[in-house]
Amino acid sequence: MAFLYLPFGSWMGKVLEKEAFGLAAKDESGVLSPFSFSRRDTGEKDVRFKVLFCGICHTDLCMAKNEWGFTTYPLVPGHEIVGVVTEVGAKVTKFNTGDKVGVGYMSRSCLSCDSCSDGEENYCPKMIPTSGGKDYDDTMTRGGYSDHMVCAEDFIIRIPDNLPLDGVAPLLCAGVTVYSAMKYHGFDKPGMHIGVVGLGGLGHVGVKFAKALGNKVTVVSTSERKREEAINRLGADAFLVSRDPKQMEDAVGTMDGIIDTASATHPLLPLLGLLKNKGKLVMVGAPAKPLELPVFPLIFGRKMVVGSMIGGIKEMQETVDLAGKHNITADIELISADYVNTAMERLAKGDVKYRFVIDVANTLKPTP
């Protein structure tokens, strides 16, 4: 059994709890409002930390509005969470009070299945999401739009001292999503030519990590207006407008791999044309509607279309360590807690460069 220790604070069988405060969606309107709740006491293998910043992921918006049909209310969103350790359990060995830490999409897994043994806890059938999931004690998990967190030591990430915590927060989801895809599919070898489709929350860090890994990077976007930003600000080597047939034709067969971060419905045929033989198109975005998959380019070029989701704990640590080495952070707009609903409305319209981050510690205050 992976969880022979008691993960929850207890005394003579009684579960102890600590008061917490956050923002929660109460219904499918997705509107977030103040919410008081409780978190478990610090178990012997738990780490408790004060939340300083929390990124806003598009998943938070989808969950708040129940767009995927399985949200349980009230929902406290947030899985790009960073802060400072305030308490550790008696058997914690990796962290001490005062450490800078973070938690991403996962807060638990079974730690005993094949996926967990391979360091891919994100694919564990018993993986517990940090927000909106049912924990092993049948309580709902509450995310980082809150004043503090408690999490099992094995799912805590150490943050490099040289990185600003607000800019690191999105790397715990967006960052590891693109890094894991690149690493698993062999895009981490210097000198490759990698395409990045979409220049949003995932795409902009995808460019940064692909460059840090020593690759040539071409951004593929529907809009010419993002060219200067992609090349001059983010460091991409080239830029293609996907709606320009001439640009796409000139780039046919030039890329070793493509990371597709687009969440809008879009054609795959032009992207497959950009790949060399044996190239891979890796889907990390999540379009709401099914995409049409043309088979002939796959057959005649031995090309592949595959998917990838976040990453395991080892890859999450590798992501932030690589970020520390190369001074990579997300481009963010830091907001106060009372701006969250407006931020959600803007996020739905794609009006952010490139990630909202909530200044939790300074602006999230309990109502009198």
Protein backbone atom coordinates (compact mmCIF):
# COMPACT_ATOMS: atom_id res chain seq x y z
CA MET A 1 0.00 0.00 0.00
CA ALA A 2 1.32 3.43 -0.91
CA PHE A 3 -0.44 5.32 1.89
CA LEU A 4 0.21 3.38 5.06
CA TYR A 5 0.99 6.63 6.83
CA LEU A 6 -1.90 8.84 7.92
CA PRO A 7 -2.00 11.72 5.43
CA PHE A 8 -4.47 13.69 7.51
CA GLY A 9 -3.89 15.26 10.91
CA SER A 10 -5.64 13.18 13.54
CA TRP A 11 -5.83 12.54 17.25
CA MET A 12 -7.56 9.40 18.58
CA GLY A 13 -9.24 8.99 15.18
CA LYS A 14 -10.65 12.49 15.02
CA VAL A 15 -9.67 14.48 11.92
CA LEU A 16 -8.28 17.89 12.82
CA GLU A 17 -8.80 20.85 10.54
CA LYS A 18 -7.57 24.39 10.05
CA GLU A 19 -9.64 27.31 8.85
CA ALA A 20 -8.98 28.59 5.34
CA PHE A 21 -10.31 31.38 3.16
CA GLY A 22 -10.53 31.75 -0.58
CA LEU A 23 -12.63 32.47 -3.64
CA ALA A 24 -15.11 29.92 -4.94
CA ALA A 25 -17.53 29.46 -7.82
CA LYS A 26 -20.90 28.46 -6.39
CA ASP A 27 -22.76 27.63 -9.63
CA GLU A 28 -22.41 27.46 -13.41
CA SER A 29 -22.26 31.23 -13.73
CA GLY A 30 -18.62 30.77 -12.77
CA VAL A 31 -18.69 33.94 -10.69
CA LEU A 32 -16.16 33.75 -7.86
CA SER A 33 -17.02 35.06 -4.40
CA PRO A 34 -15.54 34.85 -0.87
CA PHE A 35 -15.63 31.38 0.65
CA SER A 36 -14.59 30.07 4.06
CA PHE A 37 -13.70 26.41 4.40
CA SER A 38 -11.27 24.13 6.20
CA ARG A 39 -8.15 22.20 5.27
CA ARG A 40 -6.84 19.13 7.03
CA ASP A 41 -4.28 19.54 9.76
CA THR A 42 -0.64 18.93 8.83
CA GLY A 43 -0.09 15.18 8.66
CA GLU A 44 3.27 13.57 9.30
CA LYS A 45 4.18 13.61 5.57
CA ASP A 46 2.45 16.92 4.74
CA VAL A 47 3.80 20.36 3.93
CA ARG A 48 1.73 23.45 4.68
CA PHE A 49 2.53 26.75 3.00
CA LYS A 50 1.24 30.28 2.78
CA VAL A 51 0.01 30.99 -0.74
CA LEU A 52 1.68 34.06 -2.20
CA PHE A 53 0.65 33.83 -5.85
CA CYS A 54 -1.62 31.67 -7.99
CA GLY A 55 -1.87 31.64 -11.76
CA ILE A 56 -5.17 31.55 -13.62
CA CYS A 57 -5.30 28.70 -16.14
CA HIS A 58 -7.96 28.30 -18.83
CA THR A 59 -8.87 25.07 -17.05
CA ASP A 60 -9.97 27.16 -14.07
CA LEU A 61 -12.42 29.01 -16.30
CA CYS A 62 -13.78 25.78 -17.81
CA MET A 63 -14.20 24.19 -14.39
CA ALA A 64 -15.82 27.27 -12.83
CA LYS A 65 -18.44 27.32 -15.57
CA ASN A 66 -18.82 23.51 -15.66
CA GLU A 67 -17.99 23.47 -19.36
CA TRP A 68 -16.80 19.87 -19.13
CA GLY A 69 -19.84 18.70 -17.17
CA PHE A 70 -18.26 17.31 -14.00
CA THR A 71 -17.68 20.30 -11.71
CA THR A 72 -18.77 19.94 -8.10
CA TYR A 73 -19.66 23.20 -6.34
CA PRO A 74 -18.46 25.10 -4.46
CA LEU A 75 -15.22 25.08 -6.44
CA VAL A 76 -12.04 26.83 -5.27
CA PRO A 77 -9.92 26.93 -8.47
CA GLY A 78 -6.18 27.23 -8.86
CA HIS A 79 -3.35 24.80 -9.62
CA GLU A 80 -0.43 27.11 -10.36
CA ILE A 81 0.35 27.82 -6.73
CA VAL A 82 3.51 29.17 -5.12
CA GLY A 83 4.32 30.25 -1.60
CA VAL A 84 6.47 29.82 1.49
CA VAL A 85 6.45 26.81 3.82
CA THR A 86 4.99 27.53 7.26
CA GLU A 87 4.81 24.01 8.73
CA VAL A 88 6.08 20.50 7.96
CA GLY A 89 5.00 17.12 9.25
CA ALA A 90 7.13 15.03 11.58
CA LYS A 91 8.33 12.70 8.79
CA VAL A 92 8.92 15.31 6.09
CA THR A 93 12.55 15.16 4.91
CA LYS A 94 12.70 17.33 1.77
CA PHE A 95 11.43 20.70 3.00
CA ASN A 96 11.77 23.12 5.89
CA THR A 97 9.87 26.18 7.02
CA GLY A 98 10.78 29.20 4.93
CA ASP A 99 11.37 27.20 1.72
CA LYS A 100 9.90 28.55 -1.52
CA VAL A 101 7.61 25.89 -2.94
CA GLY A 102 4.79 25.24 -5.36
CA VAL A 103 2.00 22.83 -6.23
CA GLY A 104 0.70 22.15 -9.71
CA TYR A 105 -2.27 20.26 -11.11
CA MET A 106 -1.78 17.16 -8.93
CA SER A 107 -2.00 16.84 -5.16
CA ARG A 108 -1.88 13.03 -4.85
CA SER A 109 -1.61 9.77 -6.74
CA CYS A 110 -1.47 6.13 -5.69
CA LEU A 111 2.37 6.00 -5.94
CA SER A 112 2.22 2.29 -6.68
CA CYS A 113 0.84 1.78 -10.22
CA ASP A 114 2.98 1.47 -13.35
CA SER A 115 2.52 5.15 -14.24
CA CYS A 116 3.60 6.29 -10.79
CA SER A 117 6.56 3.91 -10.83
CA ASP A 118 7.62 5.45 -14.15
CA GLY A 119 7.46 8.98 -12.75
CA GLU A 120 4.24 9.73 -14.64
CA GLU A 121 1.89 10.40 -11.74
CA ASN A 122 -0.15 12.59 -14.07
CA TYR A 123 -1.41 9.43 -15.80
CA CYS A 124 -2.19 7.54 -12.60
CA PRO A 125 -5.82 6.31 -12.64
CA LYS A 126 -6.12 7.47 -9.02
CA MET A 127 -4.48 10.86 -9.51
CA ILE A 128 -6.17 13.58 -7.42
CA PRO A 129 -6.31 17.07 -8.96
CA THR A 130 -5.37 19.95 -6.71
CA SER A 131 -8.71 21.65 -7.35
CA GLY A 132 -12.16 20.19 -7.85
CA GLY A 133 -11.27 16.55 -7.21
CA LYS A 134 -12.29 14.08 -4.54
CA ASP A 135 -9.46 13.28 -2.14
CA TYR A 136 -8.88 9.90 -0.52
CA ASP A 137 -10.90 10.97 2.51
CA ASP A 138 -13.90 11.84 0.26
CA THR A 139 -13.46 15.59 0.78
CA MET A 140 -13.22 17.93 -2.21
CA THR A 141 -9.84 19.39 -3.02
CA ARG A 142 -9.61 23.18 -2.87
CA GLY A 143 -7.15 25.03 -5.07
CA GLY A 144 -4.84 27.98 -4.79
CA TYR A 145 -7.30 30.85 -4.90
CA SER A 146 -6.93 30.66 -1.13
CA ASP A 147 -4.75 31.83 1.73
CA HIS A 148 -2.86 28.59 2.41
CA MET A 149 -2.35 25.05 1.15
CA VAL A 150 -1.50 21.68 2.63
CA CYS A 151 -0.17 18.93 0.40
CA ALA A 152 1.68 15.63 0.62
CA GLU A 153 5.46 16.14 0.52
CA ASP A 154 5.86 14.02 -2.61
CA PHE A 155 3.81 16.52 -4.64
CA ILE A 156 5.57 19.68 -3.52
CA ILE A 157 7.96 21.41 -5.97
CA ARG A 158 11.00 23.38 -4.81
CA ILE A 159 11.30 26.80 -6.46
CA PRO A 160 14.77 28.13 -7.39
CA ASP A 161 15.77 31.16 -5.33
CA ASN A 162 16.71 33.28 -8.33
CA LEU A 163 13.24 33.29 -9.89
CA PRO A 164 10.40 35.70 -8.98
CA LEU A 165 7.54 33.67 -7.55
CA ASP A 166 4.79 35.45 -9.46
CA GLY A 167 6.40 34.65 -12.81
CA VAL A 168 7.12 31.05 -11.79
CA ALA A 169 3.53 30.17 -10.87
CA PRO A 170 2.31 29.46 -14.46
CA LEU A 171 5.29 27.18 -15.08
CA LEU A 172 3.69 24.64 -12.70
CA CYS A 173 1.05 23.98 -15.36
CA ALA A 174 1.78 25.73 -18.66
CA GLY A 175 5.53 25.29 -18.30
CA VAL A 176 5.56 21.61 -17.44
CA THR A 177 2.94 20.87 -20.10
CA VAL A 178 5.21 22.03 -22.92
CA TYR A 179 8.43 20.77 -21.30
CA SER A 180 7.03 17.28 -20.72
CA ALA A 181 5.80 17.05 -24.31
CA MET A 182 9.17 18.13 -25.68
CA LYS A 183 11.16 15.80 -23.47
CA TYR A 184 9.06 12.67 -23.99
CA HIS A 185 8.89 13.08 -27.74
CA GLY A 186 12.58 13.85 -28.20
CA PHE A 187 12.32 17.57 -28.91
CA ASP A 188 14.92 18.28 -26.21
CA LYS A 189 17.89 17.56 -28.47
CA PRO A 190 19.76 20.74 -29.52
CA GLY A 191 19.60 21.67 -33.19
CA MET A 192 16.07 20.47 -33.93
CA HIS A 193 13.51 22.66 -35.66
CA ILE A 194 10.38 22.91 -33.52
CA GLY A 195 7.11 24.61 -34.41
CA VAL A 196 4.90 26.14 -31.74
CA VAL A 197 1.27 26.62 -32.74
CA GLY A 198 -0.48 29.40 -30.86
CA LEU A 199 1.09 32.18 -28.82
CA GLY A 200 -0.96 32.18 -25.64
CA GLY A 201 -0.33 30.97 -22.10
CA LEU A 202 1.15 27.66 -23.26
CA GLY A 203 2.68 28.82 -26.51
CA HIS A 204 4.76 31.67 -25.18
CA VAL A 205 6.48 29.48 -22.58
CA GLY A 206 6.80 26.77 -25.23
CA VAL A 207 8.94 29.16 -27.27
CA LYS A 208 11.11 29.97 -24.26
CA PHE A 209 11.69 26.34 -23.27
CA ALA A 210 12.34 25.18 -26.84
CA LYS A 211 14.98 27.89 -27.21
CA ALA A 212 16.51 27.00 -23.84
CA LEU A 213 16.85 23.42 -25.08
CA GLY A 214 18.90 24.65 -28.03
CA ASN A 215 16.33 24.42 -30.81
CA LYS A 216 15.32 26.55 -33.77
CA VAL A 217 11.76 27.70 -33.12
CA THR A 218 9.06 28.81 -35.54
CA VAL A 219 5.79 30.20 -34.22
CA VAL A 220 2.68 29.37 -36.23
CA SER A 221 -0.21 31.77 -35.68
CA THR A 222 -3.40 32.86 -37.38
CA SER A 223 -2.44 36.51 -36.97
CA GLU A 224 0.39 38.56 -38.47
CA ARG A 225 0.12 40.98 -35.55
CA LYS A 226 2.00 38.57 -33.27
CA ARG A 227 5.11 38.36 -35.47
CA GLU A 228 7.14 41.09 -33.81
CA GLU A 229 6.30 39.86 -30.32
CA ALA A 230 7.19 36.26 -31.17
CA ILE A 231 10.57 37.11 -32.66
CA ASN A 232 11.77 40.26 -30.90
CA ARG A 233 10.34 39.66 -27.44
CA LEU A 234 10.13 35.89 -27.03
CA GLY A 235 13.12 34.93 -29.16
CA ALA A 236 11.51 32.81 -31.88
CA ASP A 237 13.61 32.36 -35.03
CA ALA A 238 10.75 32.53 -37.52
CA PHE A 239 7.03 33.18 -37.78
CA LEU A 240 4.35 31.71 -40.05
CA VAL A 241 0.82 32.95 -40.61
CA SER A 242 -1.21 29.76 -40.94
CA ARG A 243 -3.80 31.49 -43.14
CA ASP A 244 -1.17 32.53 -45.68
CA PRO A 245 -0.85 29.67 -48.23
CA LYS A 246 2.46 31.00 -49.61
CA GLN A 247 4.15 31.14 -46.21
CA MET A 248 2.91 27.66 -45.31
CA GLU A 249 3.93 26.22 -48.68
CA ASP A 250 7.46 27.61 -48.36
CA ALA A 251 7.84 25.87 -44.98
CA VAL A 252 6.57 22.42 -46.03
CA GLY A 253 8.69 19.57 -44.69
CA THR A 254 10.99 21.74 -42.57
CA MET A 255 10.10 20.88 -38.97
CA ASP A 256 11.14 17.94 -36.81
CA GLY A 257 8.23 18.40 -34.43
CA ILE A 258 5.35 20.70 -33.57
CA ILE A 259 3.82 21.57 -30.20
CA ASP A 260 0.19 22.52 -30.85
CA THR A 261 -1.11 24.68 -28.00
CA ALA A 262 -4.23 26.02 -29.75
CA SER A 263 -7.51 25.50 -27.90
CA ALA A 264 -9.70 26.73 -30.76
CA THR A 265 -10.89 24.37 -33.49
CA HIS A 266 -8.37 24.43 -36.33
CA PRO A 267 -7.28 22.32 -39.35
CA LEU A 268 -4.46 19.83 -38.86
CA LEU A 269 -3.63 19.22 -42.53
CA PRO A 270 -1.48 22.37 -42.97
CA LEU A 271 0.42 21.57 -39.77
CA LEU A 272 1.15 18.00 -40.85
CA GLY A 273 2.52 19.43 -44.08
CA LEU A 274 5.14 21.38 -42.14
CA LEU A 275 6.61 18.20 -40.66
CA LYS A 276 9.51 16.25 -42.04
CA ASN A 277 9.01 12.53 -42.57
CA LYS A 278 8.66 10.81 -39.16
CA GLY A 279 7.78 14.13 -37.58
CA LYS A 280 5.41 14.44 -34.64
CA LEU A 281 2.51 16.79 -34.05
CA VAL A 282 1.98 16.90 -30.28
CA MET A 283 -1.39 18.19 -29.10
CA VAL A 284 -1.33 19.96 -25.72
CA GLY A 285 -4.22 22.36 -26.32
CA ALA A 286 -7.76 21.13 -25.74
CA PRO A 287 -10.25 22.22 -28.43
CA ALA A 288 -13.84 21.76 -27.29
CA LYS A 289 -14.89 20.21 -30.62
CA PRO A 290 -13.29 17.17 -32.30
CA LEU A 291 -10.67 17.94 -34.95
CA GLU A 292 -10.61 16.32 -38.38
CA LEU A 293 -7.61 14.01 -38.77
CA PRO A 294 -6.34 13.56 -42.35
CA VAL A 295 -4.80 10.11 -42.70
CA PHE A 296 -2.83 10.31 -45.96
CA PRO A 297 -0.09 12.63 -44.62
CA LEU A 298 0.41 10.19 -41.75
CA ILE A 299 0.69 7.19 -44.05
CA PHE A 300 2.96 8.71 -46.67
CA GLY A 301 5.28 10.45 -44.23
CA ARG A 302 5.17 8.09 -41.26
CA LYS A 303 4.05 11.10 -39.25
CA MET A 304 2.36 10.98 -35.88
CA VAL A 305 -0.31 12.94 -34.06
CA VAL A 306 -0.08 12.42 -30.30
CA GLY A 307 -1.30 14.03 -27.09
CA SER A 308 0.41 15.03 -23.87
CA MET A 309 -0.83 16.25 -20.48
CA ILE A 310 1.14 18.21 -17.86
CA GLY A 311 3.98 16.03 -16.50
CA GLY A 312 5.00 13.93 -13.53
CA ILE A 313 6.56 15.33 -10.36
CA LYS A 314 10.12 14.68 -11.57
CA GLU A 315 9.39 16.56 -14.78
CA MET A 316 7.79 19.40 -12.85
CA GLN A 317 10.96 19.82 -10.81
CA GLU A 318 13.04 19.61 -13.98
CA THR A 319 10.87 22.33 -15.52
CA VAL A 320 11.45 24.86 -12.77
CA ASP A 321 15.12 23.89 -12.45
CA LEU A 322 15.61 24.51 -16.18
CA ALA A 323 13.74 27.77 -15.77
CA GLY A 324 16.09 28.73 -12.95
CA LYS A 325 19.13 27.92 -15.07
CA HIS A 326 17.93 30.02 -18.01
CA ASN A 327 15.94 32.66 -16.08
CA ILE A 328 12.67 31.61 -17.69
CA THR A 329 9.41 32.97 -16.30
CA ALA A 330 5.96 33.38 -17.75
CA ASP A 331 4.91 36.78 -19.07
CA ILE A 332 2.20 37.74 -16.60
CA GLU A 333 -0.33 40.36 -15.63
CA LEU A 334 -0.38 40.52 -11.83
CA ILE A 335 -3.87 41.19 -10.49
CA SER A 336 -5.61 41.66 -7.17
CA ALA A 337 -8.09 39.12 -5.84
CA ASP A 338 -11.02 41.47 -6.39
CA TYR A 339 -10.19 41.59 -10.12
CA VAL A 340 -10.52 37.84 -10.65
CA ASN A 341 -14.00 37.85 -12.22
CA THR A 342 -12.97 40.53 -14.68
CA ALA A 343 -9.83 38.54 -15.45
CA MET A 344 -11.95 35.48 -16.17
CA GLU A 345 -14.06 37.48 -18.62
CA ARG A 346 -10.93 38.75 -20.34
CA LEU A 347 -9.41 35.27 -20.40
CA ALA A 348 -12.50 33.95 -22.20
CA LYS A 349 -11.82 36.55 -24.91
CA GLY A 350 -8.10 35.81 -25.07
CA ASP A 351 -7.35 39.28 -23.71
CA VAL A 352 -4.18 38.59 -21.70
CA LYS A 353 -0.44 38.48 -22.38
CA TYR A 354 -0.01 35.78 -21.40
CA ARG A 355 -1.11 34.65 -17.97
CA PHE A 356 -3.04 36.28 -15.15
CA VAL A 357 -1.50 35.72 -11.72
CA ILE A 358 -3.34 36.59 -8.50
CA ASP A 359 -1.39 38.44 -5.81
CA VAL A 360 -2.98 36.25 -3.16
CA ALA A 361 -0.97 37.21 -0.07
CA ASN A 362 -1.42 40.95 -0.49
CA THR A 363 -4.99 41.16 -1.79
CA LEU A 364 -7.05 38.15 -0.69
CA LYS A 365 -8.63 39.20 2.58
CA PRO A 366 -11.42 37.51 4.58
CA THR A 367 -14.65 39.47 4.67
CA PRO A 368 -15.44 40.98 8.10
